[in-house]
């Protein structure tokens, strides 16, 4: 699972590679939640909001995100990325 603090020293960090997910994992779940709210990934969220995403304490999944239009997305404690949405999810490498 992708948890931890993201420190960004260069605000113009661009991904070098993008692949589409083929099967569900914790990393796919995290990417799905960020992309549903309009962000590329956790680094993009931190750059835009100057804050880390709120997470559920027991599993580390994202609890809520601020969308780019100022509204909030609230997520359940369990998996939200269904099998049909997995191929729509993009995973970025830096």
PDB file of N, CA and C in Angstrom:
ATOM      1  N   UNK A   1       0.842  -1.161   0.000  1.00  0.00           N
ATOM      2  CA  UNK A   1       0.000   0.000   0.000  1.00  0.00           C
ATOM      3  C   UNK A   1       0.893   1.231   0.000  1.00  0.00           C
ATOM      4  N   UNK A   2       0.530   2.225  -0.724  1.00  0.00           N
ATOM      5  CA  UNK A   2       1.333   3.431  -0.843  1.00  0.00           C
ATOM      6  C   UNK A   2       0.955   4.397   0.265  1.00  0.00           C
ATOM      7  N   UNK A   3       1.653   4.335   1.360  1.00  0.00           N
ATOM      8  CA  UNK A   3       1.438   5.291   2.432  1.00  0.00           C
ATOM      9  C   UNK A   3       2.761   5.958   2.723  1.00  0.00           C
ATOM     10  N   UNK A   4       2.699   7.121   3.319  1.00  0.00           N
ATOM     11  CA  UNK A   4       3.913   7.829   3.643  1.00  0.00           C
ATOM     12  C   UNK A   4       3.816   9.280   3.250  1.00  0.00           C
ATOM     13  N   UNK A   5       4.858   9.995   3.578  1.00  0.00           N
ATOM     14  CA  UNK A   5       4.894  11.425   3.304  1.00  0.00           C
ATOM     15  C   UNK A   5       5.590  11.653   1.970  1.00  0.00           C
ATOM     16  N   UNK A   6       4.955  12.448   1.131  1.00  0.00           N
ATOM     17  CA  UNK A   6       5.544  12.795  -0.160  1.00  0.00           C
ATOM     18  C   UNK A   6       6.182  14.167  -0.035  1.00  0.00           C
ATOM     19  N   UNK A   7       7.463  14.234  -0.270  1.00  0.00           N
ATOM     20  CA  UNK A   7       8.155  15.514  -0.231  1.00  0.00           C
ATOM     21  C   UNK A   7       8.513  15.882  -1.667  1.00  0.00           C
ATOM     22  N   UNK A   8       8.052  17.040  -2.066  1.00  0.00           N
ATOM     23  CA  UNK A   8       8.292  17.471  -3.436  1.00  0.00           C
ATOM     24  C   UNK A   8       9.178  18.706  -3.388  1.00  0.00           C
ATOM     25  N   UNK A   9      10.357  18.570  -3.957  1.00  0.00           N
ATOM     26  CA  UNK A   9      11.274  19.695  -3.968  1.00  0.00           C
ATOM     27  C   UNK A   9      11.123  20.507  -5.238  1.00  0.00           C
ATOM     28  N   UNK A  10      10.770  19.861  -6.328  1.00  0.00           N
ATOM     29  CA  UNK A  10      10.580  20.543  -7.598  1.00  0.00           C
ATOM     30  C   UNK A  10       9.101  20.488  -7.945  1.00  0.00           C
ATOM     31  N   UNK A  11       8.445  21.647  -8.012  1.00  0.00           N
ATOM     32  CA  UNK A  11       7.007  21.698  -8.229  1.00  0.00           C
ATOM     33  C   UNK A  11       6.602  21.293  -9.638  1.00  0.00           C
ATOM     34  N   UNK A  12       7.536  21.172 -10.552  1.00  0.00           N
ATOM     35  CA  UNK A  12       7.186  20.809 -11.921  1.00  0.00           C
ATOM     36  C   UNK A  12       7.573  19.355 -12.223  1.00  0.00           C
ATOM     37  N   UNK A  13       7.422  18.479 -11.251  1.00  0.00           N
ATOM     38  CA  UNK A  13       7.749  17.072 -11.437  1.00  0.00           C
ATOM     39  C   UNK A  13       6.724  16.451 -12.373  1.00  0.00           C
ATOM     40  N   UNK A  14       7.214  15.841 -13.440  1.00  0.00           N
ATOM     41  CA  UNK A  14       6.345  15.194 -14.421  1.00  0.00           C
ATOM     42  C   UNK A  14       6.641  13.697 -14.422  1.00  0.00           C
ATOM     43  N   UNK A  15       5.640  12.873 -14.615  1.00  0.00           N
ATOM     44  CA  UNK A  15       5.892  11.433 -14.680  1.00  0.00           C
ATOM     45  C   UNK A  15       6.655  11.060 -15.946  1.00  0.00           C
ATOM     46  N   UNK A  16       7.466  10.017 -15.842  1.00  0.00           N
ATOM     47  CA  UNK A  16       8.234   9.558 -16.999  1.00  0.00           C
ATOM     48  C   UNK A  16       7.565   8.389 -17.705  1.00  0.00           C
ATOM     49  N   UNK A  17       6.634   7.734 -17.013  1.00  0.00           N
ATOM     50  CA  UNK A  17       5.986   6.563 -17.591  1.00  0.00           C
ATOM     51  C   UNK A  17       4.576   6.424 -17.032  1.00  0.00           C
ATOM     52  N   UNK A  18       3.662   5.943 -17.884  1.00  0.00           N
ATOM     53  CA  UNK A  18       2.297   5.681 -17.456  1.00  0.00           C
ATOM     54  C   UNK A  18       1.883   4.321 -17.996  1.00  0.00           C
ATOM     55  N   UNK A  19       1.306   3.494 -17.132  1.00  0.00           N
ATOM     56  CA  UNK A  19       0.745   2.210 -17.550  1.00  0.00           C
ATOM     57  C   UNK A  19      -0.664   2.096 -16.981  1.00  0.00           C
ATOM     58  N   UNK A  20      -1.504   1.361 -17.675  1.00  0.00           N
ATOM     59  CA  UNK A  20      -2.857   1.108 -17.181  1.00  0.00           C
ATOM     60  C   UNK A  20      -2.836  -0.145 -16.304  1.00  0.00           C
ATOM     61  N   UNK A  21      -3.633  -0.103 -15.264  1.00  0.00           N
ATOM     62  CA  UNK A  21      -3.715  -1.240 -14.348  1.00  0.00           C
ATOM     63  C   UNK A  21      -4.406  -2.418 -15.032  1.00  0.00           C
ATOM     64  N   UNK A  22      -3.955  -3.615 -14.714  1.00  0.00           N
ATOM     65  CA  UNK A  22      -4.568  -4.817 -15.273  1.00  0.00           C
ATOM     66  C   UNK A  22      -5.282  -5.641 -14.208  1.00  0.00           C
ATOM     67  N   UNK A  23      -4.906  -5.479 -12.951  1.00  0.00           N
ATOM     68  CA  UNK A  23      -5.578  -6.179 -11.858  1.00  0.00           C
ATOM     69  C   UNK A  23      -5.595  -5.269 -10.635  1.00  0.00           C
ATOM     70  N   UNK A  24      -6.532  -5.525  -9.737  1.00  0.00           N
ATOM     71  CA  UNK A  24      -6.697  -4.667  -8.571  1.00  0.00           C
ATOM     72  C   UNK A  24      -5.590  -4.912  -7.562  1.00  0.00           C
ATOM     73  N   UNK A  25      -5.127  -3.827  -6.935  1.00  0.00           N
ATOM     74  CA  UNK A  25      -4.183  -3.886  -5.822  1.00  0.00           C
ATOM     75  C   UNK A  25      -4.410  -2.637  -4.978  1.00  0.00           C
ATOM     76  N   UNK A  26      -3.708  -2.527  -3.861  1.00  0.00           N
ATOM     77  CA  UNK A  26      -3.839  -1.333  -3.024  1.00  0.00           C
ATOM     78  C   UNK A  26      -3.364  -0.086  -3.764  1.00  0.00           C
ATOM     79  N   UNK A  27      -2.313  -0.220  -4.580  1.00  0.00           N
ATOM     80  CA  UNK A  27      -1.816   0.922  -5.353  1.00  0.00           C
ATOM     81  C   UNK A  27      -2.841   1.372  -6.388  1.00  0.00           C
ATOM     82  N   UNK A  28      -3.527   0.431  -6.992  1.00  0.00           N
ATOM     83  CA  UNK A  28      -4.573   0.764  -7.966  1.00  0.00           C
ATOM     84  C   UNK A  28      -5.726   1.467  -7.257  1.00  0.00           C
ATOM     85  N   UNK A  29      -6.083   0.995  -6.074  1.00  0.00           N
ATOM     86  CA  UNK A  29      -7.164   1.628  -5.299  1.00  0.00           C
ATOM     87  C   UNK A  29      -6.817   3.079  -4.978  1.00  0.00           C
ATOM     88  N   UNK A  30      -5.584   3.317  -4.560  1.00  0.00           N
ATOM     89  CA  UNK A  30      -5.163   4.679  -4.244  1.00  0.00           C
ATOM     90  C   UNK A  30      -5.186   5.566  -5.490  1.00  0.00           C
ATOM     91  N   UNK A  31      -4.650   5.080  -6.591  1.00  0.00           N
ATOM     92  CA  UNK A  31      -4.650   5.854  -7.833  1.00  0.00           C
ATOM     93  C   UNK A  31      -6.073   6.139  -8.295  1.00  0.00           C
ATOM     94  N   UNK A  32      -6.957   5.167  -8.167  1.00  0.00           N
ATOM     95  CA  UNK A  32      -8.364   5.342  -8.562  1.00  0.00           C
ATOM     96  C   UNK A  32      -9.013   6.480  -7.776  1.00  0.00           C
ATOM     97  N   UNK A  33      -8.778   6.525  -6.473  1.00  0.00           N
ATOM     98  CA  UNK A  33      -9.396   7.563  -5.644  1.00  0.00           C
ATOM     99  C   UNK A  33      -8.866   8.948  -6.001  1.00  0.00           C
ATOM    100  N   UNK A  34      -7.574   9.072  -6.226  1.00  0.00           N
ATOM    101  CA  UNK A  34      -7.024  10.372  -6.634  1.00  0.00           C
ATOM    102  C   UNK A  34      -7.557  10.782  -8.000  1.00  0.00           C
ATOM    103  N   UNK A  35      -7.605   9.867  -8.939  1.00  0.00           N
ATOM    104  CA  UNK A  35      -8.041  10.202 -10.294  1.00  0.00           C
ATOM    105  C   UNK A  35      -9.531  10.498 -10.345  1.00  0.00           C
ATOM    106  N   UNK A  36     -10.317   9.898  -9.477  1.00  0.00           N
ATOM    107  CA  UNK A  36     -11.739  10.204  -9.397  1.00  0.00           C
ATOM    108  C   UNK A  36     -11.954  11.652  -8.956  1.00  0.00           C
ATOM    109  N   UNK A  37     -11.060  12.160  -8.118  1.00  0.00           N
ATOM    110  CA  UNK A  37     -11.148  13.537  -7.634  1.00  0.00           C
ATOM    111  C   UNK A  37     -10.473  14.534  -8.579  1.00  0.00           C
ATOM    112  N   UNK A  38      -9.870  14.061  -9.664  1.00  0.00           N
ATOM    113  CA  UNK A  38      -9.290  14.954 -10.655  1.00  0.00           C
ATOM    114  C   UNK A  38      -7.795  15.165 -10.558  1.00  0.00           C
ATOM    115  N   UNK A  39      -7.110  14.342  -9.779  1.00  0.00           N
ATOM    116  CA  UNK A  39      -5.656  14.456  -9.628  1.00  0.00           C
ATOM    117  C   UNK A  39      -4.971  13.281 -10.304  1.00  0.00           C
ATOM    118  N   UNK A  40      -3.723  13.477 -10.677  1.00  0.00           N
ATOM    119  CA  UNK A  40      -2.953  12.412 -11.316  1.00  0.00           C
ATOM    120  C   UNK A  40      -2.593  11.344 -10.282  1.00  0.00           C
ATOM    121  N   UNK A  41      -2.082  11.782  -9.126  1.00  0.00           N
ATOM    122  CA  UNK A  41      -1.670  10.873  -8.061  1.00  0.00           C
ATOM    123  C   UNK A  41      -1.461  11.676  -6.786  1.00  0.00           C
ATOM    124  N   UNK A  42      -0.862  11.053  -5.767  1.00  0.00           N
ATOM    125  CA  UNK A  42      -0.669  11.713  -4.476  1.00  0.00           C
ATOM    126  C   UNK A  42       0.237  12.936  -4.594  1.00  0.00           C
ATOM    127  N   UNK A  43       1.250  12.869  -5.434  1.00  0.00           N
ATOM    128  CA  UNK A  43       2.151  14.013  -5.587  1.00  0.00           C
ATOM    129  C   UNK A  43       1.424  15.207  -6.181  1.00  0.00           C
ATOM    130  N   UNK A  44       0.582  14.979  -7.159  1.00  0.00           N
ATOM    131  CA  UNK A  44      -0.210  16.051  -7.763  1.00  0.00           C
ATOM    132  C   UNK A  44      -1.146  16.668  -6.725  1.00  0.00           C
ATOM    133  N   UNK A  45      -1.733  15.837  -5.857  1.00  0.00           N
ATOM    134  CA  UNK A  45      -2.631  16.325  -4.810  1.00  0.00           C
ATOM    135  C   UNK A  45      -1.884  17.230  -3.829  1.00  0.00           C
ATOM    136  N   UNK A  46      -0.692  16.813  -3.419  1.00  0.00           N
ATOM    137  CA  UNK A  46       0.102  17.601  -2.473  1.00  0.00           C
ATOM    138  C   UNK A  46       0.507  18.937  -3.087  1.00  0.00           C
ATOM    139  N   UNK A  47       0.899  18.947  -4.350  1.00  0.00           N
ATOM    140  CA  UNK A  47       1.287  20.186  -5.026  1.00  0.00           C
ATOM    141  C   UNK A  47       0.109  21.151  -5.091  1.00  0.00           C
ATOM    142  N   UNK A  48      -1.075  20.645  -5.400  1.00  0.00           N
ATOM    143  CA  UNK A  48      -2.252  21.506  -5.556  1.00  0.00           C
ATOM    144  C   UNK A  48      -2.820  21.989  -4.232  1.00  0.00           C
ATOM    145  N   UNK A  49      -2.773  21.163  -3.185  1.00  0.00           N
ATOM    146  CA  UNK A  49      -3.448  21.490  -1.929  1.00  0.00           C
ATOM    147  C   UNK A  49      -2.517  21.789  -0.767  1.00  0.00           C
ATOM    148  N   UNK A  50      -1.235  21.574  -0.928  1.00  0.00           N
ATOM    149  CA  UNK A  50      -0.250  21.813   0.135  1.00  0.00           C
ATOM    150  C   UNK A  50      -0.562  21.019   1.400  1.00  0.00           C
ATOM    151  N   UNK A  51      -1.218  19.867   1.244  1.00  0.00           N
ATOM    152  CA  UNK A  51      -1.559  19.019   2.389  1.00  0.00           C
ATOM    153  C   UNK A  51      -1.679  17.571   1.938  1.00  0.00           C
ATOM    154  N   UNK A  52      -1.462  16.667   2.874  1.00  0.00           N
ATOM    155  CA  UNK A  52      -1.626  15.243   2.608  1.00  0.00           C
ATOM    156  C   UNK A  52      -3.105  14.884   2.615  1.00  0.00           C
ATOM    157  N   UNK A  53      -3.454  13.806   1.980  1.00  0.00           N
ATOM    158  CA  UNK A  53      -4.829  13.307   1.969  1.00  0.00           C
ATOM    159  C   UNK A  53      -5.149  12.663   3.316  1.00  0.00           C
ATOM    160  N   UNK A  54      -6.396  12.831   3.776  1.00  0.00           N
ATOM    161  CA  UNK A  54      -6.850  12.163   4.998  1.00  0.00           C
ATOM    162  C   UNK A  54      -7.032  10.682   4.706  1.00  0.00           C
ATOM    163  N   UNK A  55      -6.621   9.838   5.662  1.00  0.00           N
ATOM    164  CA  UNK A  55      -6.660   8.394   5.448  1.00  0.00           C
ATOM    165  C   UNK A  55      -7.378   7.692   6.597  1.00  0.00           C
ATOM    166  N   UNK A  56      -7.944   6.520   6.278  1.00  0.00           N
ATOM    167  CA  UNK A  56      -8.528   5.673   7.305  1.00  0.00           C
ATOM    168  C   UNK A  56      -7.384   5.086   8.117  1.00  0.00           C
ATOM    169  N   UNK A  57      -7.463   5.110   9.447  1.00  0.00           N
ATOM    170  CA  UNK A  57      -6.327   4.650  10.263  1.00  0.00           C
ATOM    171  C   UNK A  57      -6.052   3.146  10.194  1.00  0.00           C
ATOM    172  N   UNK A  58      -7.063   2.317   9.998  1.00  0.00           N
ATOM    173  CA  UNK A  58      -6.849   0.870  10.083  1.00  0.00           C
ATOM    174  C   UNK A  58      -6.275   0.253   8.810  1.00  0.00           C
ATOM    175  N   UNK A  59      -6.501   0.866   7.639  1.00  0.00           N
ATOM    176  CA  UNK A  59      -5.963   0.263   6.414  1.00  0.00           C
ATOM    177  C   UNK A  59      -5.175   1.237   5.544  1.00  0.00           C
ATOM    178  N   UNK A  60      -5.200   2.515   5.857  1.00  0.00           N
ATOM    179  CA  UNK A  60      -4.413   3.492   5.110  1.00  0.00           C
ATOM    180  C   UNK A  60      -5.041   3.970   3.823  1.00  0.00           C
ATOM    181  N   UNK A  61      -6.244   3.499   3.496  1.00  0.00           N
ATOM    182  CA  UNK A  61      -6.936   3.982   2.298  1.00  0.00           C
ATOM    183  C   UNK A  61      -7.330   5.445   2.483  1.00  0.00           C
ATOM    184  N   UNK A  62      -7.480   6.145   1.385  1.00  0.00           N
ATOM    185  CA  UNK A  62      -7.852   7.555   1.426  1.00  0.00           C
ATOM    186  C   UNK A  62      -9.279   7.691   1.933  1.00  0.00           C
ATOM    187  N   UNK A  63      -9.466   8.611   2.874  1.00  0.00           N
ATOM    188  CA  UNK A  63     -10.772   8.828   3.496  1.00  0.00           C
ATOM    189  C   UNK A  63     -11.553   9.920   2.792  1.00  0.00           C
ATOM    190  N   UNK A  64     -10.879  11.050   2.513  1.00  0.00           N
ATOM    191  CA  UNK A  64     -11.550  12.152   1.820  1.00  0.00           C
ATOM    192  C   UNK A  64     -10.526  12.988   1.068  1.00  0.00           C
ATOM    193  N   UNK A  65     -10.987  13.581  -0.033  1.00  0.00           N
ATOM    194  CA  UNK A  65     -10.145  14.429  -0.874  1.00  0.00           C
ATOM    195  C   UNK A  65     -10.904  15.683  -1.258  1.00  0.00           C
ATOM    196  N   UNK A  66     -10.177  16.777  -1.390  1.00  0.00           N
ATOM    197  CA  UNK A  66     -10.756  18.006  -1.921  1.00  0.00           C
ATOM    198  C   UNK A  66     -10.603  17.956  -3.430  1.00  0.00           C
ATOM    199  N   UNK A  67     -11.716  18.102  -4.143  1.00  0.00           N
ATOM    200  CA  UNK A  67     -11.638  18.162  -5.599  1.00  0.00           C
ATOM    201  C   UNK A  67     -11.077  19.517  -6.012  1.00  0.00           C
ATOM    202  N   UNK A  68     -10.704  19.637  -7.272  1.00  0.00           N
ATOM    203  CA  UNK A  68     -10.134  20.890  -7.763  1.00  0.00           C
ATOM    204  C   UNK A  68     -11.144  22.024  -7.778  1.00  0.00           C
ATOM    205  N   UNK A  69     -12.447  21.691  -7.795  1.00  0.00           N
ATOM    206  CA  UNK A  69     -13.471  22.740  -7.768  1.00  0.00           C
ATOM    207  C   UNK A  69     -13.873  23.121  -6.341  1.00  0.00           C
ATOM    208  N   UNK A  70     -13.213  22.544  -5.332  1.00  0.00           N
ATOM    209  CA  UNK A  70     -13.466  22.907  -3.947  1.00  0.00           C
ATOM    210  C   UNK A  70     -14.436  21.994  -3.215  1.00  0.00           C
ATOM    211  N   UNK A  71     -15.118  21.117  -3.919  1.00  0.00           N
ATOM    212  CA  UNK A  71     -16.034  20.167  -3.277  1.00  0.00           C
ATOM    213  C   UNK A  71     -15.224  18.993  -2.712  1.00  0.00           C
ATOM    214  N   UNK A  72     -15.863  18.185  -1.901  1.00  0.00           N
ATOM    215  CA  UNK A  72     -15.191  17.064  -1.257  1.00  0.00           C
ATOM    216  C   UNK A  72     -15.669  15.735  -1.809  1.00  0.00           C
ATOM    217  N   UNK A  73     -14.770  14.769  -1.852  1.00  0.00           N
ATOM    218  CA  UNK A  73     -15.104  13.371  -2.119  1.00  0.00           C
ATOM    219  C   UNK A  73     -14.864  12.608  -0.820  1.00  0.00           C
ATOM    220  N   UNK A  74     -15.843  11.834  -0.382  1.00  0.00           N
ATOM    221  CA  UNK A  74     -15.713  10.979   0.793  1.00  0.00           C
ATOM    222  C   UNK A  74     -15.727   9.526   0.332  1.00  0.00           C
ATOM    223  N   UNK A  75     -14.798   8.738   0.862  1.00  0.00           N
ATOM    224  CA  UNK A  75     -14.654   7.354   0.440  1.00  0.00           C
ATOM    225  C   UNK A  75     -14.924   6.399   1.595  1.00  0.00           C
ATOM    226  N   UNK A  76     -15.402   5.210   1.268  1.00  0.00           N
ATOM    227  CA  UNK A  76     -15.651   4.158   2.255  1.00  0.00           C
ATOM    228  C   UNK A  76     -14.339   3.564   2.746  1.00  0.00           C
ATOM    229  N   UNK A  77     -14.443   2.771   3.805  1.00  0.00           N
ATOM    230  CA  UNK A  77     -13.268   2.095   4.352  1.00  0.00           C
ATOM    231  C   UNK A  77     -12.824   0.929   3.478  1.00  0.00           C
ATOM    232  N   UNK A  78     -13.728   0.414   2.700  1.00  0.00           N
ATOM    233  CA  UNK A  78     -13.429  -0.763   1.884  1.00  0.00           C
ATOM    234  C   UNK A  78     -13.128  -0.371   0.438  1.00  0.00           C
ATOM    235  N   UNK A  79     -12.869  -1.361  -0.366  1.00  0.00           N
ATOM    236  CA  UNK A  79     -12.542  -1.169  -1.781  1.00  0.00           C
ATOM    237  C   UNK A  79     -13.665  -0.446  -2.520  1.00  0.00           C
ATOM    238  N   UNK A  80     -13.284   0.525  -3.365  1.00  0.00           N
ATOM    239  CA  UNK A  80     -14.266   1.252  -4.170  1.00  0.00           C
ATOM    240  C   UNK A  80     -14.034   1.084  -5.666  1.00  0.00           C
ATOM    241  N   UNK A  81     -12.860   0.683  -6.049  1.00  0.00           N
ATOM    242  CA  UNK A  81     -12.537   0.496  -7.466  1.00  0.00           C
ATOM    243  C   UNK A  81     -13.034  -0.878  -7.908  1.00  0.00           C
ATOM    244  N   UNK A  82     -14.126  -0.893  -8.644  1.00  0.00           N
ATOM    245  CA  UNK A  82     -14.684  -2.171  -9.092  1.00  0.00           C
ATOM    246  C   UNK A  82     -13.811  -2.757 -10.206  1.00  0.00           C
ATOM    247  N   UNK A  83     -14.020  -4.024 -10.483  1.00  0.00           N
ATOM    248  CA  UNK A  83     -13.217  -4.701 -11.508  1.00  0.00           C
ATOM    249  C   UNK A  83     -13.359  -4.049 -12.879  1.00  0.00           C
ATOM    250  N   UNK A  84     -14.524  -3.508 -13.186  1.00  0.00           N
ATOM    251  CA  UNK A  84     -14.710  -2.870 -14.496  1.00  0.00           C
ATOM    252  C   UNK A  84     -13.973  -1.533 -14.591  1.00  0.00           C
ATOM    253  N   UNK A  85     -13.637  -0.913 -13.438  1.00  0.00           N
ATOM    254  CA  UNK A  85     -12.925   0.366 -13.438  1.00  0.00           C
ATOM    255  C   UNK A  85     -11.408   0.212 -13.380  1.00  0.00           C
ATOM    256  N   UNK A  86     -10.918  -0.979 -13.107  1.00  0.00           N
ATOM    257  CA  UNK A  86      -9.468  -1.198 -12.987  1.00  0.00           C
ATOM    258  C   UNK A  86      -8.719  -0.797 -14.258  1.00  0.00           C
ATOM    259  N   UNK A  87      -9.152  -1.185 -15.463  1.00  0.00           N
ATOM    260  CA  UNK A  87      -8.397  -0.796 -16.669  1.00  0.00           C
ATOM    261  C   UNK A  87      -8.422   0.706 -16.960  1.00  0.00           C
ATOM    262  N   UNK A  88      -9.324   1.441 -16.353  1.00  0.00           N
ATOM    263  CA  UNK A  88      -9.389   2.894 -16.547  1.00  0.00           C
ATOM    264  C   UNK A  88      -8.358   3.627 -15.697  1.00  0.00           C
ATOM    265  N   UNK A  89      -7.810   2.944 -14.715  1.00  0.00           N
ATOM    266  CA  UNK A  89      -6.889   3.557 -13.765  1.00  0.00           C
ATOM    267  C   UNK A  89      -5.474   3.621 -14.353  1.00  0.00           C
ATOM    268  N   UNK A  90      -4.848   4.782 -14.219  1.00  0.00           N
ATOM    269  CA  UNK A  90      -3.491   4.985 -14.732  1.00  0.00           C
ATOM    270  C   UNK A  90      -2.500   4.995 -13.572  1.00  0.00           C
ATOM    271  N   UNK A  91      -1.402   4.283 -13.729  1.00  0.00           N
ATOM    272  CA  UNK A  91      -0.343   4.235 -12.730  1.00  0.00           C
ATOM    273  C   UNK A  91       0.882   4.940 -13.296  1.00  0.00           C
ATOM    274  N   UNK A  92       1.363   5.950 -12.581  1.00  0.00           N
ATOM    275  CA  UNK A  92       2.469   6.778 -13.061  1.00  0.00           C
ATOM    276  C   UNK A  92       3.767   6.416 -12.355  1.00  0.00           C
ATOM    277  N   UNK A  93       4.875   6.515 -13.086  1.00  0.00           N
ATOM    278  CA  UNK A  93       6.221   6.313 -12.547  1.00  0.00           C
ATOM    279  C   UNK A  93       7.009   7.595 -12.737  1.00  0.00           C
ATOM    280  N   UNK A  94       7.890   7.874 -11.782  1.00  0.00           N
ATOM    281  CA  UNK A  94       8.710   9.090 -11.834  1.00  0.00           C
ATOM    282  C   UNK A  94      10.171   8.744 -11.931  1.00  0.00           C
TER     283      UNK A  94
END
